[in-house]
Amino acid sequence: MPEKLRVQVLLTEAERERFRKCALAAGRSLSAWLREAGLQRAERHEKRDRLDTVEKLEAFFAECHRRAEDRGREPGWDEAEAMIREESTRGLPRQ
């Protein structure tokens, strides 16, 4: 098992209490609960599909056009922008 290091996390009293209650409900220590939450978030971030190649960008726009054809029209800029935002934030936690 890899060596574990200590990390200081700055929280408000309200945040600490909120997280402590969640950890207690899960039957975990606060430290374990925070570690698991961080690992889950990192995994979601790493799995997110990014438009970082020409092929992915072309596939994205092909999907936009397919959706538009399903609706029988080309999307306007507002609708296209909404689709881009939806795809770029998929898997991110809601704020």
N, C-alpha and C. Protein backbone atom coordinates (compact mmCIF):
# COMPACT_ATOMS: atom_id res chain seq x y z
N MET A 1 0.85 -1.18 0.00
CA MET A 1 0.00 0.00 0.00
C MET A 1 0.89 1.24 0.00
N PRO A 2 0.58 2.21 -0.89
CA PRO A 2 1.40 3.43 -0.95
C PRO A 2 1.31 4.21 0.36
N GLU A 3 2.40 4.91 0.64
CA GLU A 3 2.44 5.74 1.85
C GLU A 3 1.41 6.86 1.72
N LYS A 4 0.69 7.13 2.79
CA LYS A 4 -0.31 8.21 2.79
C LYS A 4 0.31 9.45 3.39
N LEU A 5 -0.02 10.57 2.80
CA LEU A 5 0.48 11.86 3.25
C LEU A 5 -0.65 12.66 3.84
N ARG A 6 -0.34 13.56 4.72
CA ARG A 6 -1.34 14.45 5.30
C ARG A 6 -1.44 15.70 4.44
N VAL A 7 -2.67 16.16 4.26
CA VAL A 7 -2.94 17.38 3.51
C VAL A 7 -3.87 18.24 4.35
N GLN A 8 -3.55 19.49 4.49
CA GLN A 8 -4.42 20.39 5.24
C GLN A 8 -5.48 20.94 4.29
N VAL A 9 -6.73 20.85 4.71
CA VAL A 9 -7.85 21.36 3.91
C VAL A 9 -8.54 22.44 4.72
N LEU A 10 -8.68 23.60 4.13
CA LEU A 10 -9.33 24.72 4.81
C LEU A 10 -10.83 24.66 4.53
N LEU A 11 -11.62 24.59 5.60
CA LEU A 11 -13.07 24.53 5.51
C LEU A 11 -13.67 25.52 6.49
N THR A 12 -14.86 25.96 6.17
CA THR A 12 -15.60 26.74 7.17
C THR A 12 -16.15 25.74 8.19
N GLU A 13 -16.57 26.24 9.32
CA GLU A 13 -17.17 25.37 10.33
C GLU A 13 -18.41 24.67 9.76
N ALA A 14 -19.19 25.41 9.00
CA ALA A 14 -20.41 24.83 8.41
C ALA A 14 -20.07 23.72 7.41
N GLU A 15 -19.04 23.93 6.59
CA GLU A 15 -18.63 22.90 5.64
C GLU A 15 -18.15 21.65 6.37
N ARG A 16 -17.31 21.86 7.38
CA ARG A 16 -16.80 20.72 8.15
C ARG A 16 -17.94 19.92 8.76
N GLU A 17 -18.92 20.60 9.33
CA GLU A 17 -20.06 19.92 9.95
C GLU A 17 -20.90 19.19 8.89
N ARG A 18 -21.11 19.83 7.78
CA ARG A 18 -21.88 19.19 6.69
C ARG A 18 -21.18 17.92 6.22
N PHE A 19 -19.87 18.00 5.98
CA PHE A 19 -19.12 16.84 5.51
C PHE A 19 -19.05 15.76 6.59
N ARG A 20 -18.90 16.18 7.85
CA ARG A 20 -18.84 15.22 8.95
C ARG A 20 -20.13 14.42 9.04
N LYS A 21 -21.27 15.09 8.88
CA LYS A 21 -22.56 14.39 8.92
C LYS A 21 -22.68 13.39 7.78
N CYS A 22 -22.23 13.78 6.61
CA CYS A 22 -22.26 12.87 5.46
C CYS A 22 -21.37 11.65 5.71
N ALA A 23 -20.18 11.91 6.26
CA ALA A 23 -19.24 10.82 6.55
C ALA A 23 -19.83 9.88 7.59
N LEU A 24 -20.43 10.44 8.63
CA LEU A 24 -21.05 9.63 9.68
C LEU A 24 -22.16 8.76 9.10
N ALA A 25 -23.00 9.35 8.25
CA ALA A 25 -24.10 8.60 7.63
C ALA A 25 -23.57 7.46 6.75
N ALA A 26 -22.40 7.66 6.16
CA ALA A 26 -21.79 6.64 5.30
C ALA A 26 -20.96 5.64 6.10
N GLY A 27 -20.83 5.88 7.40
CA GLY A 27 -20.03 4.98 8.24
C GLY A 27 -18.54 5.12 7.99
N ARG A 28 -18.12 6.31 7.58
CA ARG A 28 -16.70 6.55 7.26
C ARG A 28 -16.17 7.66 8.17
N SER A 29 -14.87 7.70 8.28
CA SER A 29 -14.25 8.85 8.96
C SER A 29 -14.33 10.04 8.01
N LEU A 30 -14.20 11.23 8.56
CA LEU A 30 -14.22 12.42 7.71
C LEU A 30 -13.09 12.36 6.68
N SER A 31 -11.93 11.92 7.12
CA SER A 31 -10.78 11.82 6.22
C SER A 31 -11.07 10.86 5.07
N ALA A 32 -11.59 9.68 5.39
CA ALA A 32 -11.90 8.69 4.35
C ALA A 32 -12.97 9.21 3.41
N TRP A 33 -13.99 9.87 3.97
CA TRP A 33 -15.08 10.38 3.15
C TRP A 33 -14.57 11.46 2.18
N LEU A 34 -13.74 12.38 2.68
CA LEU A 34 -13.18 13.42 1.82
C LEU A 34 -12.28 12.82 0.73
N ARG A 35 -11.47 11.82 1.10
CA ARG A 35 -10.59 11.16 0.14
C ARG A 35 -11.42 10.51 -0.97
N GLU A 36 -12.49 9.78 -0.57
CA GLU A 36 -13.35 9.11 -1.55
C GLU A 36 -14.05 10.13 -2.45
N ALA A 37 -14.52 11.23 -1.87
CA ALA A 37 -15.17 12.27 -2.66
C ALA A 37 -14.19 12.85 -3.69
N GLY A 38 -12.97 13.09 -3.27
CA GLY A 38 -11.95 13.61 -4.18
C GLY A 38 -11.62 12.63 -5.28
N LEU A 39 -11.50 11.35 -4.93
CA LEU A 39 -11.21 10.33 -5.94
C LEU A 39 -12.35 10.20 -6.95
N GLN A 40 -13.58 10.26 -6.47
CA GLN A 40 -14.73 10.18 -7.38
C GLN A 40 -14.76 11.36 -8.34
N ARG A 41 -14.49 12.53 -7.80
CA ARG A 41 -14.48 13.72 -8.66
C ARG A 41 -13.35 13.65 -9.68
N ALA A 42 -12.18 13.19 -9.27
CA ALA A 42 -11.05 13.07 -10.19
C ALA A 42 -11.37 12.06 -11.29
N GLU A 43 -12.03 10.97 -10.94
CA GLU A 43 -12.40 9.95 -11.92
C GLU A 43 -13.38 10.52 -12.95
N ARG A 44 -14.38 11.27 -12.48
CA ARG A 44 -15.32 11.89 -13.42
C ARG A 44 -14.60 12.85 -14.35
N HIS A 45 -13.68 13.62 -13.81
CA HIS A 45 -12.92 14.58 -14.62
C HIS A 45 -12.08 13.86 -15.68
N GLU A 46 -11.44 12.78 -15.29
CA GLU A 46 -10.58 12.04 -16.21
C GLU A 46 -11.37 11.33 -17.30
N LYS A 47 -12.60 10.92 -16.99
CA LYS A 47 -13.43 10.21 -17.97
C LYS A 47 -14.10 11.14 -18.97
N ARG A 48 -14.17 12.42 -18.63
CA ARG A 48 -14.85 13.38 -19.49
C ARG A 48 -14.22 13.38 -20.87
N ASP A 49 -15.05 13.28 -21.87
CA ASP A 49 -14.55 13.27 -23.24
C ASP A 49 -14.32 14.71 -23.69
N ARG A 50 -13.10 15.01 -24.07
CA ARG A 50 -12.75 16.36 -24.47
C ARG A 50 -12.68 16.45 -26.00
N LEU A 51 -12.98 17.61 -26.50
CA LEU A 51 -12.88 17.86 -27.94
C LEU A 51 -11.45 18.31 -28.23
N ASP A 52 -10.51 17.37 -28.08
CA ASP A 52 -9.09 17.72 -28.19
C ASP A 52 -8.41 17.18 -29.44
N THR A 53 -9.20 16.64 -30.37
CA THR A 53 -8.63 16.20 -31.64
C THR A 53 -9.58 16.65 -32.76
N VAL A 54 -9.07 16.69 -33.96
CA VAL A 54 -9.90 17.06 -35.10
C VAL A 54 -11.03 16.05 -35.27
N GLU A 55 -10.72 14.78 -35.06
CA GLU A 55 -11.73 13.73 -35.22
C GLU A 55 -12.87 13.90 -34.23
N LYS A 56 -12.55 14.22 -32.97
CA LYS A 56 -13.59 14.42 -31.96
C LYS A 56 -14.43 15.65 -32.27
N LEU A 57 -13.79 16.70 -32.75
CA LEU A 57 -14.51 17.92 -33.10
C LEU A 57 -15.45 17.65 -34.28
N GLU A 58 -14.96 16.93 -35.28
CA GLU A 58 -15.81 16.59 -36.43
C GLU A 58 -16.98 15.72 -36.00
N ALA A 59 -16.72 14.76 -35.11
CA ALA A 59 -17.80 13.89 -34.62
C ALA A 59 -18.83 14.72 -33.85
N PHE A 60 -18.36 15.67 -33.07
CA PHE A 60 -19.28 16.53 -32.31
C PHE A 60 -20.19 17.30 -33.26
N PHE A 61 -19.61 17.93 -34.29
CA PHE A 61 -20.44 18.70 -35.21
C PHE A 61 -21.34 17.80 -36.04
N ALA A 62 -20.89 16.59 -36.35
CA ALA A 62 -21.76 15.63 -37.05
C ALA A 62 -22.97 15.31 -36.18
N GLU A 63 -22.75 15.14 -34.88
CA GLU A 63 -23.86 14.88 -33.96
C GLU A 63 -24.79 16.09 -33.88
N CYS A 64 -24.23 17.28 -33.86
CA CYS A 64 -25.07 18.50 -33.87
C CYS A 64 -25.95 18.52 -35.11
N HIS A 65 -25.36 18.20 -36.27
CA HIS A 65 -26.12 18.21 -37.52
C HIS A 65 -27.18 17.10 -37.52
N ARG A 66 -26.84 15.93 -36.95
CA ARG A 66 -27.81 14.84 -36.88
C ARG A 66 -29.01 15.25 -36.03
N ARG A 67 -28.72 15.88 -34.88
CA ARG A 67 -29.81 16.35 -34.02
C ARG A 67 -30.67 17.38 -34.74
N ALA A 68 -30.03 18.26 -35.50
CA ALA A 68 -30.77 19.28 -36.24
C ALA A 68 -31.65 18.63 -37.30
N GLU A 69 -31.14 17.63 -37.99
CA GLU A 69 -31.93 16.93 -39.02
C GLU A 69 -33.12 16.24 -38.38
N ASP A 70 -32.93 15.69 -37.18
CA ASP A 70 -34.04 15.05 -36.48
C ASP A 70 -35.16 16.05 -36.21
N ARG A 71 -34.78 17.32 -36.05
CA ARG A 71 -35.78 18.36 -35.79
C ARG A 71 -36.22 19.03 -37.08
N GLY A 72 -35.57 18.68 -38.19
CA GLY A 72 -35.98 19.21 -39.48
C GLY A 72 -35.47 20.60 -39.80
N ARG A 73 -34.47 21.08 -39.08
CA ARG A 73 -33.93 22.41 -39.36
C ARG A 73 -32.52 22.52 -38.79
N GLU A 74 -31.81 23.50 -39.29
CA GLU A 74 -30.47 23.82 -38.77
C GLU A 74 -30.65 24.61 -37.48
N PRO A 75 -29.90 24.27 -36.42
CA PRO A 75 -30.06 25.04 -35.18
C PRO A 75 -29.49 26.45 -35.34
N GLY A 76 -30.13 27.40 -34.67
CA GLY A 76 -29.59 28.75 -34.62
C GLY A 76 -28.40 28.77 -33.68
N TRP A 77 -27.69 29.90 -33.66
CA TRP A 77 -26.49 29.99 -32.85
C TRP A 77 -26.78 29.73 -31.37
N ASP A 78 -27.88 30.27 -30.83
CA ASP A 78 -28.20 30.07 -29.41
C ASP A 78 -28.36 28.59 -29.10
N GLU A 79 -29.04 27.88 -29.97
CA GLU A 79 -29.25 26.44 -29.75
C GLU A 79 -27.93 25.67 -29.90
N ALA A 80 -27.13 26.01 -30.91
CA ALA A 80 -25.83 25.34 -31.09
C ALA A 80 -24.93 25.61 -29.89
N GLU A 81 -24.93 26.85 -29.42
CA GLU A 81 -24.12 27.20 -28.25
C GLU A 81 -24.57 26.41 -27.03
N ALA A 82 -25.88 26.25 -26.86
CA ALA A 82 -26.41 25.47 -25.72
C ALA A 82 -25.94 24.01 -25.81
N MET A 83 -25.92 23.44 -27.03
CA MET A 83 -25.44 22.06 -27.20
C MET A 83 -23.96 21.96 -26.85
N ILE A 84 -23.19 22.95 -27.27
CA ILE A 84 -21.75 22.96 -26.98
C ILE A 84 -21.53 23.03 -25.47
N ARG A 85 -22.26 23.92 -24.80
CA ARG A 85 -22.12 24.04 -23.34
C ARG A 85 -22.52 22.74 -22.64
N GLU A 86 -23.61 22.12 -23.10
CA GLU A 86 -24.06 20.86 -22.50
C GLU A 86 -22.99 19.78 -22.62
N GLU A 87 -22.40 19.66 -23.81
CA GLU A 87 -21.38 18.65 -24.02
C GLU A 87 -20.11 18.95 -23.24
N SER A 88 -19.76 20.23 -23.13
CA SER A 88 -18.49 20.57 -22.48
C SER A 88 -18.57 20.45 -20.97
N THR A 89 -19.78 20.42 -20.40
CA THR A 89 -19.91 20.33 -18.95
C THR A 89 -20.46 18.98 -18.50
N ARG A 90 -20.68 18.06 -19.42
CA ARG A 90 -21.21 16.75 -19.04
C ARG A 90 -20.26 16.09 -18.04
N GLY A 91 -20.85 15.62 -16.96
CA GLY A 91 -20.06 14.93 -15.94
C GLY A 91 -19.48 15.83 -14.88
N LEU A 92 -19.61 17.11 -15.04
CA LEU A 92 -19.12 18.02 -14.03
C LEU A 92 -20.18 18.20 -12.95
N PRO A 93 -19.76 18.42 -11.74
CA PRO A 93 -20.75 18.64 -10.68
C PRO A 93 -21.49 19.95 -10.92
N ARG A 94 -22.78 19.97 -10.58
CA ARG A 94 -23.59 21.18 -10.71
C ARG A 94 -23.20 22.16 -9.62
N GLN A 95 -23.19 23.42 -9.95
CA GLN A 95 -22.82 24.43 -8.97
C GLN A 95 -23.98 25.30 -8.62
